[in-house]
Amino acid sequence: LIDNYPWENSFLRHRNHAIFATFLM
């Protein structure tokens, strides 16, 4: 869902994916 969310740019997509992945893993 984070990957497919309409973020403003690719930086926010990759950053937020990294944040949530770190939380989870």
PDBML (XML) file of the C-alpha atoms, coordinates in Angstrom:
<?xml version="1.0" encoding="UTF-8" ?>
<PDBx:datablock datablockName="MODEL"
   xmlns:PDBx="http://pdbml.pdb.org/schema/pdbx-v50.xsd"
   xmlns:xsi="http://www.w3.org/2001/XMLSchema-instance"
   xsi:schemaLocation="http://pdbml.pdb.org/schema/pdbx-v50.xsd pdbx-v50.xsd">
   <PDBx:atom_siteCategory>
      <PDBx:atom_site id="1">
         <PDBx:B_iso_or_equiv>0.00</PDBx:B_iso_or_equiv>
         <PDBx:Cartn_x>0.000</PDBx:Cartn_x>
         <PDBx:Cartn_y>0.000</PDBx:Cartn_y>
         <PDBx:Cartn_z>0.000</PDBx:Cartn_z>
         <PDBx:auth_asym_id>A</PDBx:auth_asym_id>
         <PDBx:auth_atom_id>CA</PDBx:auth_atom_id>
         <PDBx:auth_comp_id>LEU</PDBx:auth_comp_id>
         <PDBx:auth_seq_id>1</PDBx:auth_seq_id>
         <PDBx:group_PDB>ATOM</PDBx:group_PDB>
         <PDBx:label_alt_id xsi:nil="true" />
         <PDBx:label_asym_id>A</PDBx:label_asym_id>
         <PDBx:label_atom_id>CA</PDBx:label_atom_id>
         <PDBx:label_comp_id>LEU</PDBx:label_comp_id>
         <PDBx:label_entity_id>1</PDBx:label_entity_id>
         <PDBx:label_seq_id>1</PDBx:label_seq_id>
         <PDBx:occupancy>1.00</PDBx:occupancy>
         <PDBx:pdbx_PDB_model_num>1</PDBx:pdbx_PDB_model_num>
         <PDBx:type_symbol>C</PDBx:type_symbol>
      </PDBx:atom_site>
      <PDBx:atom_site id="2">
         <PDBx:B_iso_or_equiv>0.00</PDBx:B_iso_or_equiv>
         <PDBx:Cartn_x>2.876</PDBx:Cartn_x>
         <PDBx:Cartn_y>2.381</PDBx:Cartn_y>
         <PDBx:Cartn_z>0.774</PDBx:Cartn_z>
         <PDBx:auth_asym_id>A</PDBx:auth_asym_id>
         <PDBx:auth_atom_id>CA</PDBx:auth_atom_id>
         <PDBx:auth_comp_id>ILE</PDBx:auth_comp_id>
         <PDBx:auth_seq_id>2</PDBx:auth_seq_id>
         <PDBx:group_PDB>ATOM</PDBx:group_PDB>
         <PDBx:label_alt_id xsi:nil="true" />
         <PDBx:label_asym_id>A</PDBx:label_asym_id>
         <PDBx:label_atom_id>CA</PDBx:label_atom_id>
         <PDBx:label_comp_id>ILE</PDBx:label_comp_id>
         <PDBx:label_entity_id>1</PDBx:label_entity_id>
         <PDBx:label_seq_id>2</PDBx:label_seq_id>
         <PDBx:occupancy>1.00</PDBx:occupancy>
         <PDBx:pdbx_PDB_model_num>1</PDBx:pdbx_PDB_model_num>
         <PDBx:type_symbol>C</PDBx:type_symbol>
      </PDBx:atom_site>
      <PDBx:atom_site id="3">
         <PDBx:B_iso_or_equiv>0.00</PDBx:B_iso_or_equiv>
         <PDBx:Cartn_x>4.459</PDBx:Cartn_x>
         <PDBx:Cartn_y>1.654</PDBx:Cartn_y>
         <PDBx:Cartn_z>-2.620</PDBx:Cartn_z>
         <PDBx:auth_asym_id>A</PDBx:auth_asym_id>
         <PDBx:auth_atom_id>CA</PDBx:auth_atom_id>
         <PDBx:auth_comp_id>ASP</PDBx:auth_comp_id>
         <PDBx:auth_seq_id>3</PDBx:auth_seq_id>
         <PDBx:group_PDB>ATOM</PDBx:group_PDB>
         <PDBx:label_alt_id xsi:nil="true" />
         <PDBx:label_asym_id>A</PDBx:label_asym_id>
         <PDBx:label_atom_id>CA</PDBx:label_atom_id>
         <PDBx:label_comp_id>ASP</PDBx:label_comp_id>
         <PDBx:label_entity_id>1</PDBx:label_entity_id>
         <PDBx:label_seq_id>3</PDBx:label_seq_id>
         <PDBx:occupancy>1.00</PDBx:occupancy>
         <PDBx:pdbx_PDB_model_num>1</PDBx:pdbx_PDB_model_num>
         <PDBx:type_symbol>C</PDBx:type_symbol>
      </PDBx:atom_site>
      <PDBx:atom_site id="4">
         <PDBx:B_iso_or_equiv>0.00</PDBx:B_iso_or_equiv>
         <PDBx:Cartn_x>1.212</PDBx:Cartn_x>
         <PDBx:Cartn_y>2.291</PDBx:Cartn_y>
         <PDBx:Cartn_z>-4.475</PDBx:Cartn_z>
         <PDBx:auth_asym_id>A</PDBx:auth_asym_id>
         <PDBx:auth_atom_id>CA</PDBx:auth_atom_id>
         <PDBx:auth_comp_id>ASN</PDBx:auth_comp_id>
         <PDBx:auth_seq_id>4</PDBx:auth_seq_id>
         <PDBx:group_PDB>ATOM</PDBx:group_PDB>
         <PDBx:label_alt_id xsi:nil="true" />
         <PDBx:label_asym_id>A</PDBx:label_asym_id>
         <PDBx:label_atom_id>CA</PDBx:label_atom_id>
         <PDBx:label_comp_id>ASN</PDBx:label_comp_id>
         <PDBx:label_entity_id>1</PDBx:label_entity_id>
         <PDBx:label_seq_id>4</PDBx:label_seq_id>
         <PDBx:occupancy>1.00</PDBx:occupancy>
         <PDBx:pdbx_PDB_model_num>1</PDBx:pdbx_PDB_model_num>
         <PDBx:type_symbol>C</PDBx:type_symbol>
      </PDBx:atom_site>
      <PDBx:atom_site id="5">
         <PDBx:B_iso_or_equiv>0.00</PDBx:B_iso_or_equiv>
         <PDBx:Cartn_x>0.209</PDBx:Cartn_x>
         <PDBx:Cartn_y>5.398</PDBx:Cartn_y>
         <PDBx:Cartn_z>-2.532</PDBx:Cartn_z>
         <PDBx:auth_asym_id>A</PDBx:auth_asym_id>
         <PDBx:auth_atom_id>CA</PDBx:auth_atom_id>
         <PDBx:auth_comp_id>TYR</PDBx:auth_comp_id>
         <PDBx:auth_seq_id>5</PDBx:auth_seq_id>
         <PDBx:group_PDB>ATOM</PDBx:group_PDB>
         <PDBx:label_alt_id xsi:nil="true" />
         <PDBx:label_asym_id>A</PDBx:label_asym_id>
         <PDBx:label_atom_id>CA</PDBx:label_atom_id>
         <PDBx:label_comp_id>TYR</PDBx:label_comp_id>
         <PDBx:label_entity_id>1</PDBx:label_entity_id>
         <PDBx:label_seq_id>5</PDBx:label_seq_id>
         <PDBx:occupancy>1.00</PDBx:occupancy>
         <PDBx:pdbx_PDB_model_num>1</PDBx:pdbx_PDB_model_num>
         <PDBx:type_symbol>C</PDBx:type_symbol>
      </PDBx:atom_site>
      <PDBx:atom_site id="6">
         <PDBx:B_iso_or_equiv>0.00</PDBx:B_iso_or_equiv>
         <PDBx:Cartn_x>0.213</PDBx:Cartn_x>
         <PDBx:Cartn_y>8.575</PDBx:Cartn_y>
         <PDBx:Cartn_z>-4.732</PDBx:Cartn_z>
         <PDBx:auth_asym_id>A</PDBx:auth_asym_id>
         <PDBx:auth_atom_id>CA</PDBx:auth_atom_id>
         <PDBx:auth_comp_id>PRO</PDBx:auth_comp_id>
         <PDBx:auth_seq_id>6</PDBx:auth_seq_id>
         <PDBx:group_PDB>ATOM</PDBx:group_PDB>
         <PDBx:label_alt_id xsi:nil="true" />
         <PDBx:label_asym_id>A</PDBx:label_asym_id>
         <PDBx:label_atom_id>CA</PDBx:label_atom_id>
         <PDBx:label_comp_id>PRO</PDBx:label_comp_id>
         <PDBx:label_entity_id>1</PDBx:label_entity_id>
         <PDBx:label_seq_id>6</PDBx:label_seq_id>
         <PDBx:occupancy>1.00</PDBx:occupancy>
         <PDBx:pdbx_PDB_model_num>1</PDBx:pdbx_PDB_model_num>
         <PDBx:type_symbol>C</PDBx:type_symbol>
      </PDBx:atom_site>
      <PDBx:atom_site id="7">
         <PDBx:B_iso_or_equiv>0.00</PDBx:B_iso_or_equiv>
         <PDBx:Cartn_x>3.158</PDBx:Cartn_x>
         <PDBx:Cartn_y>10.341</PDBx:Cartn_y>
         <PDBx:Cartn_z>-3.081</PDBx:Cartn_z>
         <PDBx:auth_asym_id>A</PDBx:auth_asym_id>
         <PDBx:auth_atom_id>CA</PDBx:auth_atom_id>
         <PDBx:auth_comp_id>TRP</PDBx:auth_comp_id>
         <PDBx:auth_seq_id>7</PDBx:auth_seq_id>
         <PDBx:group_PDB>ATOM</PDBx:group_PDB>
         <PDBx:label_alt_id xsi:nil="true" />
         <PDBx:label_asym_id>A</PDBx:label_asym_id>
         <PDBx:label_atom_id>CA</PDBx:label_atom_id>
         <PDBx:label_comp_id>TRP</PDBx:label_comp_id>
         <PDBx:label_entity_id>1</PDBx:label_entity_id>
         <PDBx:label_seq_id>7</PDBx:label_seq_id>
         <PDBx:occupancy>1.00</PDBx:occupancy>
         <PDBx:pdbx_PDB_model_num>1</PDBx:pdbx_PDB_model_num>
         <PDBx:type_symbol>C</PDBx:type_symbol>
      </PDBx:atom_site>
      <PDBx:atom_site id="8">
         <PDBx:B_iso_or_equiv>0.00</PDBx:B_iso_or_equiv>
         <PDBx:Cartn_x>4.293</PDBx:Cartn_x>
         <PDBx:Cartn_y>13.693</PDBx:Cartn_y>
         <PDBx:Cartn_z>-4.459</PDBx:Cartn_z>
         <PDBx:auth_asym_id>A</PDBx:auth_asym_id>
         <PDBx:auth_atom_id>CA</PDBx:auth_atom_id>
         <PDBx:auth_comp_id>GLU</PDBx:auth_comp_id>
         <PDBx:auth_seq_id>8</PDBx:auth_seq_id>
         <PDBx:group_PDB>ATOM</PDBx:group_PDB>
         <PDBx:label_alt_id xsi:nil="true" />
         <PDBx:label_asym_id>A</PDBx:label_asym_id>
         <PDBx:label_atom_id>CA</PDBx:label_atom_id>
         <PDBx:label_comp_id>GLU</PDBx:label_comp_id>
         <PDBx:label_entity_id>1</PDBx:label_entity_id>
         <PDBx:label_seq_id>8</PDBx:label_seq_id>
         <PDBx:occupancy>1.00</PDBx:occupancy>
         <PDBx:pdbx_PDB_model_num>1</PDBx:pdbx_PDB_model_num>
         <PDBx:type_symbol>C</PDBx:type_symbol>
      </PDBx:atom_site>
      <PDBx:atom_site id="9">
         <PDBx:B_iso_or_equiv>0.00</PDBx:B_iso_or_equiv>
         <PDBx:Cartn_x>7.592</PDBx:Cartn_x>
         <PDBx:Cartn_y>12.263</PDBx:Cartn_y>
         <PDBx:Cartn_z>-5.712</PDBx:Cartn_z>
         <PDBx:auth_asym_id>A</PDBx:auth_asym_id>
         <PDBx:auth_atom_id>CA</PDBx:auth_atom_id>
         <PDBx:auth_comp_id>ASN</PDBx:auth_comp_id>
         <PDBx:auth_seq_id>9</PDBx:auth_seq_id>
         <PDBx:group_PDB>ATOM</PDBx:group_PDB>
         <PDBx:label_alt_id xsi:nil="true" />
         <PDBx:label_asym_id>A</PDBx:label_asym_id>
         <PDBx:label_atom_id>CA</PDBx:label_atom_id>
         <PDBx:label_comp_id>ASN</PDBx:label_comp_id>
         <PDBx:label_entity_id>1</PDBx:label_entity_id>
         <PDBx:label_seq_id>9</PDBx:label_seq_id>
         <PDBx:occupancy>1.00</PDBx:occupancy>
         <PDBx:pdbx_PDB_model_num>1</PDBx:pdbx_PDB_model_num>
         <PDBx:type_symbol>C</PDBx:type_symbol>
      </PDBx:atom_site>
      <PDBx:atom_site id="10">
         <PDBx:B_iso_or_equiv>0.00</PDBx:B_iso_or_equiv>
         <PDBx:Cartn_x>9.657</PDBx:Cartn_x>
         <PDBx:Cartn_y>9.086</PDBx:Cartn_y>
         <PDBx:Cartn_z>-5.782</PDBx:Cartn_z>
         <PDBx:auth_asym_id>A</PDBx:auth_asym_id>
         <PDBx:auth_atom_id>CA</PDBx:auth_atom_id>
         <PDBx:auth_comp_id>SER</PDBx:auth_comp_id>
         <PDBx:auth_seq_id>10</PDBx:auth_seq_id>
         <PDBx:group_PDB>ATOM</PDBx:group_PDB>
         <PDBx:label_alt_id xsi:nil="true" />
         <PDBx:label_asym_id>A</PDBx:label_asym_id>
         <PDBx:label_atom_id>CA</PDBx:label_atom_id>
         <PDBx:label_comp_id>SER</PDBx:label_comp_id>
         <PDBx:label_entity_id>1</PDBx:label_entity_id>
         <PDBx:label_seq_id>10</PDBx:label_seq_id>
         <PDBx:occupancy>1.00</PDBx:occupancy>
         <PDBx:pdbx_PDB_model_num>1</PDBx:pdbx_PDB_model_num>
         <PDBx:type_symbol>C</PDBx:type_symbol>
      </PDBx:atom_site>
      <PDBx:atom_site id="11">
         <PDBx:B_iso_or_equiv>0.00</PDBx:B_iso_or_equiv>
         <PDBx:Cartn_x>11.846</PDBx:Cartn_x>
         <PDBx:Cartn_y>10.249</PDBx:Cartn_y>
         <PDBx:Cartn_z>-2.884</PDBx:Cartn_z>
         <PDBx:auth_asym_id>A</PDBx:auth_asym_id>
         <PDBx:auth_atom_id>CA</PDBx:auth_atom_id>
         <PDBx:auth_comp_id>PHE</PDBx:auth_comp_id>
         <PDBx:auth_seq_id>11</PDBx:auth_seq_id>
         <PDBx:group_PDB>ATOM</PDBx:group_PDB>
         <PDBx:label_alt_id xsi:nil="true" />
         <PDBx:label_asym_id>A</PDBx:label_asym_id>
         <PDBx:label_atom_id>CA</PDBx:label_atom_id>
         <PDBx:label_comp_id>PHE</PDBx:label_comp_id>
         <PDBx:label_entity_id>1</PDBx:label_entity_id>
         <PDBx:label_seq_id>11</PDBx:label_seq_id>
         <PDBx:occupancy>1.00</PDBx:occupancy>
         <PDBx:pdbx_PDB_model_num>1</PDBx:pdbx_PDB_model_num>
         <PDBx:type_symbol>C</PDBx:type_symbol>
      </PDBx:atom_site>
      <PDBx:atom_site id="12">
         <PDBx:B_iso_or_equiv>0.00</PDBx:B_iso_or_equiv>
         <PDBx:Cartn_x>8.890</PDBx:Cartn_x>
         <PDBx:Cartn_y>10.232</PDBx:Cartn_y>
         <PDBx:Cartn_z>-0.486</PDBx:Cartn_z>
         <PDBx:auth_asym_id>A</PDBx:auth_asym_id>
         <PDBx:auth_atom_id>CA</PDBx:auth_atom_id>
         <PDBx:auth_comp_id>LEU</PDBx:auth_comp_id>
         <PDBx:auth_seq_id>12</PDBx:auth_seq_id>
         <PDBx:group_PDB>ATOM</PDBx:group_PDB>
         <PDBx:label_alt_id xsi:nil="true" />
         <PDBx:label_asym_id>A</PDBx:label_asym_id>
         <PDBx:label_atom_id>CA</PDBx:label_atom_id>
         <PDBx:label_comp_id>LEU</PDBx:label_comp_id>
         <PDBx:label_entity_id>1</PDBx:label_entity_id>
         <PDBx:label_seq_id>12</PDBx:label_seq_id>
         <PDBx:occupancy>1.00</PDBx:occupancy>
         <PDBx:pdbx_PDB_model_num>1</PDBx:pdbx_PDB_model_num>
         <PDBx:type_symbol>C</PDBx:type_symbol>
      </PDBx:atom_site>
      <PDBx:atom_site id="13">
         <PDBx:B_iso_or_equiv>0.00</PDBx:B_iso_or_equiv>
         <PDBx:Cartn_x>7.835</PDBx:Cartn_x>
         <PDBx:Cartn_y>6.801</PDBx:Cartn_y>
         <PDBx:Cartn_z>-1.761</PDBx:Cartn_z>
         <PDBx:auth_asym_id>A</PDBx:auth_asym_id>
         <PDBx:auth_atom_id>CA</PDBx:auth_atom_id>
         <PDBx:auth_comp_id>ARG</PDBx:auth_comp_id>
         <PDBx:auth_seq_id>13</PDBx:auth_seq_id>
         <PDBx:group_PDB>ATOM</PDBx:group_PDB>
         <PDBx:label_alt_id xsi:nil="true" />
         <PDBx:label_asym_id>A</PDBx:label_asym_id>
         <PDBx:label_atom_id>CA</PDBx:label_atom_id>
         <PDBx:label_comp_id>ARG</PDBx:label_comp_id>
         <PDBx:label_entity_id>1</PDBx:label_entity_id>
         <PDBx:label_seq_id>13</PDBx:label_seq_id>
         <PDBx:occupancy>1.00</PDBx:occupancy>
         <PDBx:pdbx_PDB_model_num>1</PDBx:pdbx_PDB_model_num>
         <PDBx:type_symbol>C</PDBx:type_symbol>
      </PDBx:atom_site>
      <PDBx:atom_site id="14">
         <PDBx:B_iso_or_equiv>0.00</PDBx:B_iso_or_equiv>
         <PDBx:Cartn_x>11.264</PDBx:Cartn_x>
         <PDBx:Cartn_y>5.250</PDBx:Cartn_y>
         <PDBx:Cartn_z>-1.161</PDBx:Cartn_z>
         <PDBx:auth_asym_id>A</PDBx:auth_asym_id>
         <PDBx:auth_atom_id>CA</PDBx:auth_atom_id>
         <PDBx:auth_comp_id>HIS</PDBx:auth_comp_id>
         <PDBx:auth_seq_id>14</PDBx:auth_seq_id>
         <PDBx:group_PDB>ATOM</PDBx:group_PDB>
         <PDBx:label_alt_id xsi:nil="true" />
         <PDBx:label_asym_id>A</PDBx:label_asym_id>
         <PDBx:label_atom_id>CA</PDBx:label_atom_id>
         <PDBx:label_comp_id>HIS</PDBx:label_comp_id>
         <PDBx:label_entity_id>1</PDBx:label_entity_id>
         <PDBx:label_seq_id>14</PDBx:label_seq_id>
         <PDBx:occupancy>1.00</PDBx:occupancy>
         <PDBx:pdbx_PDB_model_num>1</PDBx:pdbx_PDB_model_num>
         <PDBx:type_symbol>C</PDBx:type_symbol>
      </PDBx:atom_site>
      <PDBx:atom_site id="15">
         <PDBx:B_iso_or_equiv>0.00</PDBx:B_iso_or_equiv>
         <PDBx:Cartn_x>11.806</PDBx:Cartn_x>
         <PDBx:Cartn_y>7.052</PDBx:Cartn_y>
         <PDBx:Cartn_z>2.144</PDBx:Cartn_z>
         <PDBx:auth_asym_id>A</PDBx:auth_asym_id>
         <PDBx:auth_atom_id>CA</PDBx:auth_atom_id>
         <PDBx:auth_comp_id>ARG</PDBx:auth_comp_id>
         <PDBx:auth_seq_id>15</PDBx:auth_seq_id>
         <PDBx:group_PDB>ATOM</PDBx:group_PDB>
         <PDBx:label_alt_id xsi:nil="true" />
         <PDBx:label_asym_id>A</PDBx:label_asym_id>
         <PDBx:label_atom_id>CA</PDBx:label_atom_id>
         <PDBx:label_comp_id>ARG</PDBx:label_comp_id>
         <PDBx:label_entity_id>1</PDBx:label_entity_id>
         <PDBx:label_seq_id>15</PDBx:label_seq_id>
         <PDBx:occupancy>1.00</PDBx:occupancy>
         <PDBx:pdbx_PDB_model_num>1</PDBx:pdbx_PDB_model_num>
         <PDBx:type_symbol>C</PDBx:type_symbol>
      </PDBx:atom_site>
      <PDBx:atom_site id="16">
         <PDBx:B_iso_or_equiv>0.00</PDBx:B_iso_or_equiv>
         <PDBx:Cartn_x>8.445</PDBx:Cartn_x>
         <PDBx:Cartn_y>6.080</PDBx:Cartn_y>
         <PDBx:Cartn_z>3.617</PDBx:Cartn_z>
         <PDBx:auth_asym_id>A</PDBx:auth_asym_id>
         <PDBx:auth_atom_id>CA</PDBx:auth_atom_id>
         <PDBx:auth_comp_id>ASN</PDBx:auth_comp_id>
         <PDBx:auth_seq_id>16</PDBx:auth_seq_id>
         <PDBx:group_PDB>ATOM</PDBx:group_PDB>
         <PDBx:label_alt_id xsi:nil="true" />
         <PDBx:label_asym_id>A</PDBx:label_asym_id>
         <PDBx:label_atom_id>CA</PDBx:label_atom_id>
         <PDBx:label_comp_id>ASN</PDBx:label_comp_id>
         <PDBx:label_entity_id>1</PDBx:label_entity_id>
         <PDBx:label_seq_id>16</PDBx:label_seq_id>
         <PDBx:occupancy>1.00</PDBx:occupancy>
         <PDBx:pdbx_PDB_model_num>1</PDBx:pdbx_PDB_model_num>
         <PDBx:type_symbol>C</PDBx:type_symbol>
      </PDBx:atom_site>
      <PDBx:atom_site id="17">
         <PDBx:B_iso_or_equiv>0.00</PDBx:B_iso_or_equiv>
         <PDBx:Cartn_x>8.809</PDBx:Cartn_x>
         <PDBx:Cartn_y>2.513</PDBx:Cartn_y>
         <PDBx:Cartn_z>2.400</PDBx:Cartn_z>
         <PDBx:auth_asym_id>A</PDBx:auth_asym_id>
         <PDBx:auth_atom_id>CA</PDBx:auth_atom_id>
         <PDBx:auth_comp_id>HIS</PDBx:auth_comp_id>
         <PDBx:auth_seq_id>17</PDBx:auth_seq_id>
         <PDBx:group_PDB>ATOM</PDBx:group_PDB>
         <PDBx:label_alt_id xsi:nil="true" />
         <PDBx:label_asym_id>A</PDBx:label_asym_id>
         <PDBx:label_atom_id>CA</PDBx:label_atom_id>
         <PDBx:label_comp_id>HIS</PDBx:label_comp_id>
         <PDBx:label_entity_id>1</PDBx:label_entity_id>
         <PDBx:label_seq_id>17</PDBx:label_seq_id>
         <PDBx:occupancy>1.00</PDBx:occupancy>
         <PDBx:pdbx_PDB_model_num>1</PDBx:pdbx_PDB_model_num>
         <PDBx:type_symbol>C</PDBx:type_symbol>
      </PDBx:atom_site>
      <PDBx:atom_site id="18">
         <PDBx:B_iso_or_equiv>0.00</PDBx:B_iso_or_equiv>
         <PDBx:Cartn_x>12.199</PDBx:Cartn_x>
         <PDBx:Cartn_y>2.342</PDBx:Cartn_y>
         <PDBx:Cartn_z>4.168</PDBx:Cartn_z>
         <PDBx:auth_asym_id>A</PDBx:auth_asym_id>
         <PDBx:auth_atom_id>CA</PDBx:auth_atom_id>
         <PDBx:auth_comp_id>ALA</PDBx:auth_comp_id>
         <PDBx:auth_seq_id>18</PDBx:auth_seq_id>
         <PDBx:group_PDB>ATOM</PDBx:group_PDB>
         <PDBx:label_alt_id xsi:nil="true" />
         <PDBx:label_asym_id>A</PDBx:label_asym_id>
         <PDBx:label_atom_id>CA</PDBx:label_atom_id>
         <PDBx:label_comp_id>ALA</PDBx:label_comp_id>
         <PDBx:label_entity_id>1</PDBx:label_entity_id>
         <PDBx:label_seq_id>18</PDBx:label_seq_id>
         <PDBx:occupancy>1.00</PDBx:occupancy>
         <PDBx:pdbx_PDB_model_num>1</PDBx:pdbx_PDB_model_num>
         <PDBx:type_symbol>C</PDBx:type_symbol>
      </PDBx:atom_site>
      <PDBx:atom_site id="19">
         <PDBx:B_iso_or_equiv>0.00</PDBx:B_iso_or_equiv>
         <PDBx:Cartn_x>10.721</PDBx:Cartn_x>
         <PDBx:Cartn_y>3.798</PDBx:Cartn_y>
         <PDBx:Cartn_z>7.368</PDBx:Cartn_z>
         <PDBx:auth_asym_id>A</PDBx:auth_asym_id>
         <PDBx:auth_atom_id>CA</PDBx:auth_atom_id>
         <PDBx:auth_comp_id>ILE</PDBx:auth_comp_id>
         <PDBx:auth_seq_id>19</PDBx:auth_seq_id>
         <PDBx:group_PDB>ATOM</PDBx:group_PDB>
         <PDBx:label_alt_id xsi:nil="true" />
         <PDBx:label_asym_id>A</PDBx:label_asym_id>
         <PDBx:label_atom_id>CA</PDBx:label_atom_id>
         <PDBx:label_comp_id>ILE</PDBx:label_comp_id>
         <PDBx:label_entity_id>1</PDBx:label_entity_id>
         <PDBx:label_seq_id>19</PDBx:label_seq_id>
         <PDBx:occupancy>1.00</PDBx:occupancy>
         <PDBx:pdbx_PDB_model_num>1</PDBx:pdbx_PDB_model_num>
         <PDBx:type_symbol>C</PDBx:type_symbol>
      </PDBx:atom_site>
      <PDBx:atom_site id="20">
         <PDBx:B_iso_or_equiv>0.00</PDBx:B_iso_or_equiv>
         <PDBx:Cartn_x>7.856</PDBx:Cartn_x>
         <PDBx:Cartn_y>1.313</PDBx:Cartn_y>
         <PDBx:Cartn_z>7.579</PDBx:Cartn_z>
         <PDBx:auth_asym_id>A</PDBx:auth_asym_id>
         <PDBx:auth_atom_id>CA</PDBx:auth_atom_id>
         <PDBx:auth_comp_id>PHE</PDBx:auth_comp_id>
         <PDBx:auth_seq_id>20</PDBx:auth_seq_id>
         <PDBx:group_PDB>ATOM</PDBx:group_PDB>
         <PDBx:label_alt_id xsi:nil="true" />
         <PDBx:label_asym_id>A</PDBx:label_asym_id>
         <PDBx:label_atom_id>CA</PDBx:label_atom_id>
         <PDBx:label_comp_id>PHE</PDBx:label_comp_id>
         <PDBx:label_entity_id>1</PDBx:label_entity_id>
         <PDBx:label_seq_id>20</PDBx:label_seq_id>
         <PDBx:occupancy>1.00</PDBx:occupancy>
         <PDBx:pdbx_PDB_model_num>1</PDBx:pdbx_PDB_model_num>
         <PDBx:type_symbol>C</PDBx:type_symbol>
      </PDBx:atom_site>
      <PDBx:atom_site id="21">
         <PDBx:B_iso_or_equiv>0.00</PDBx:B_iso_or_equiv>
         <PDBx:Cartn_x>10.049</PDBx:Cartn_x>
         <PDBx:Cartn_y>-1.598</PDBx:Cartn_y>
         <PDBx:Cartn_z>6.522</PDBx:Cartn_z>
         <PDBx:auth_asym_id>A</PDBx:auth_asym_id>
         <PDBx:auth_atom_id>CA</PDBx:auth_atom_id>
         <PDBx:auth_comp_id>ALA</PDBx:auth_comp_id>
         <PDBx:auth_seq_id>21</PDBx:auth_seq_id>
         <PDBx:group_PDB>ATOM</PDBx:group_PDB>
         <PDBx:label_alt_id xsi:nil="true" />
         <PDBx:label_asym_id>A</PDBx:label_asym_id>
         <PDBx:label_atom_id>CA</PDBx:label_atom_id>
         <PDBx:label_comp_id>ALA</PDBx:label_comp_id>
         <PDBx:label_entity_id>1</PDBx:label_entity_id>
         <PDBx:label_seq_id>21</PDBx:label_seq_id>
         <PDBx:occupancy>1.00</PDBx:occupancy>
         <PDBx:pdbx_PDB_model_num>1</PDBx:pdbx_PDB_model_num>
         <PDBx:type_symbol>C</PDBx:type_symbol>
      </PDBx:atom_site>
      <PDBx:atom_site id="22">
         <PDBx:B_iso_or_equiv>0.00</PDBx:B_iso_or_equiv>
         <PDBx:Cartn_x>12.477</PDBx:Cartn_x>
         <PDBx:Cartn_y>-0.755</PDBx:Cartn_y>
         <PDBx:Cartn_z>9.338</PDBx:Cartn_z>
         <PDBx:auth_asym_id>A</PDBx:auth_asym_id>
         <PDBx:auth_atom_id>CA</PDBx:auth_atom_id>
         <PDBx:auth_comp_id>THR</PDBx:auth_comp_id>
         <PDBx:auth_seq_id>22</PDBx:auth_seq_id>
         <PDBx:group_PDB>ATOM</PDBx:group_PDB>
         <PDBx:label_alt_id xsi:nil="true" />
         <PDBx:label_asym_id>A</PDBx:label_asym_id>
         <PDBx:label_atom_id>CA</PDBx:label_atom_id>
         <PDBx:label_comp_id>THR</PDBx:label_comp_id>
         <PDBx:label_entity_id>1</PDBx:label_entity_id>
         <PDBx:label_seq_id>22</PDBx:label_seq_id>
         <PDBx:occupancy>1.00</PDBx:occupancy>
         <PDBx:pdbx_PDB_model_num>1</PDBx:pdbx_PDB_model_num>
         <PDBx:type_symbol>C</PDBx:type_symbol>
      </PDBx:atom_site>
      <PDBx:atom_site id="23">
         <PDBx:B_iso_or_equiv>0.00</PDBx:B_iso_or_equiv>
         <PDBx:Cartn_x>9.606</PDBx:Cartn_x>
         <PDBx:Cartn_y>-0.571</PDBx:Cartn_y>
         <PDBx:Cartn_z>11.826</PDBx:Cartn_z>
         <PDBx:auth_asym_id>A</PDBx:auth_asym_id>
         <PDBx:auth_atom_id>CA</PDBx:auth_atom_id>
         <PDBx:auth_comp_id>PHE</PDBx:auth_comp_id>
         <PDBx:auth_seq_id>23</PDBx:auth_seq_id>
         <PDBx:group_PDB>ATOM</PDBx:group_PDB>
         <PDBx:label_alt_id xsi:nil="true" />
         <PDBx:label_asym_id>A</PDBx:label_asym_id>
         <PDBx:label_atom_id>CA</PDBx:label_atom_id>
         <PDBx:label_comp_id>PHE</PDBx:label_comp_id>
         <PDBx:label_entity_id>1</PDBx:label_entity_id>
         <PDBx:label_seq_id>23</PDBx:label_seq_id>
         <PDBx:occupancy>1.00</PDBx:occupancy>
         <PDBx:pdbx_PDB_model_num>1</PDBx:pdbx_PDB_model_num>
         <PDBx:type_symbol>C</PDBx:type_symbol>
      </PDBx:atom_site>
      <PDBx:atom_site id="24">
         <PDBx:B_iso_or_equiv>0.00</PDBx:B_iso_or_equiv>
         <PDBx:Cartn_x>8.288</PDBx:Cartn_x>
         <PDBx:Cartn_y>-3.955</PDBx:Cartn_y>
         <PDBx:Cartn_z>10.704</PDBx:Cartn_z>
         <PDBx:auth_asym_id>A</PDBx:auth_asym_id>
         <PDBx:auth_atom_id>CA</PDBx:auth_atom_id>
         <PDBx:auth_comp_id>LEU</PDBx:auth_comp_id>
         <PDBx:auth_seq_id>24</PDBx:auth_seq_id>
         <PDBx:group_PDB>ATOM</PDBx:group_PDB>
         <PDBx:label_alt_id xsi:nil="true" />
         <PDBx:label_asym_id>A</PDBx:label_asym_id>
         <PDBx:label_atom_id>CA</PDBx:label_atom_id>
         <PDBx:label_comp_id>LEU</PDBx:label_comp_id>
         <PDBx:label_entity_id>1</PDBx:label_entity_id>
         <PDBx:label_seq_id>24</PDBx:label_seq_id>
         <PDBx:occupancy>1.00</PDBx:occupancy>
         <PDBx:pdbx_PDB_model_num>1</PDBx:pdbx_PDB_model_num>
         <PDBx:type_symbol>C</PDBx:type_symbol>
      </PDBx:atom_site>
      <PDBx:atom_site id="25">
         <PDBx:B_iso_or_equiv>0.00</PDBx:B_iso_or_equiv>
         <PDBx:Cartn_x>11.527</PDBx:Cartn_x>
         <PDBx:Cartn_y>-5.898</PDBx:Cartn_y>
         <PDBx:Cartn_z>10.207</PDBx:Cartn_z>
         <PDBx:auth_asym_id>A</PDBx:auth_asym_id>
         <PDBx:auth_atom_id>CA</PDBx:auth_atom_id>
         <PDBx:auth_comp_id>MET</PDBx:auth_comp_id>
         <PDBx:auth_seq_id>25</PDBx:auth_seq_id>
         <PDBx:group_PDB>ATOM</PDBx:group_PDB>
         <PDBx:label_alt_id xsi:nil="true" />
         <PDBx:label_asym_id>A</PDBx:label_asym_id>
         <PDBx:label_atom_id>CA</PDBx:label_atom_id>
         <PDBx:label_comp_id>MET</PDBx:label_comp_id>
         <PDBx:label_entity_id>1</PDBx:label_entity_id>
         <PDBx:label_seq_id>25</PDBx:label_seq_id>
         <PDBx:occupancy>1.00</PDBx:occupancy>
         <PDBx:pdbx_PDB_model_num>1</PDBx:pdbx_PDB_model_num>
         <PDBx:type_symbol>C</PDBx:type_symbol>
      </PDBx:atom_site>
   </PDBx:atom_siteCategory>
</PDBx:datablock>
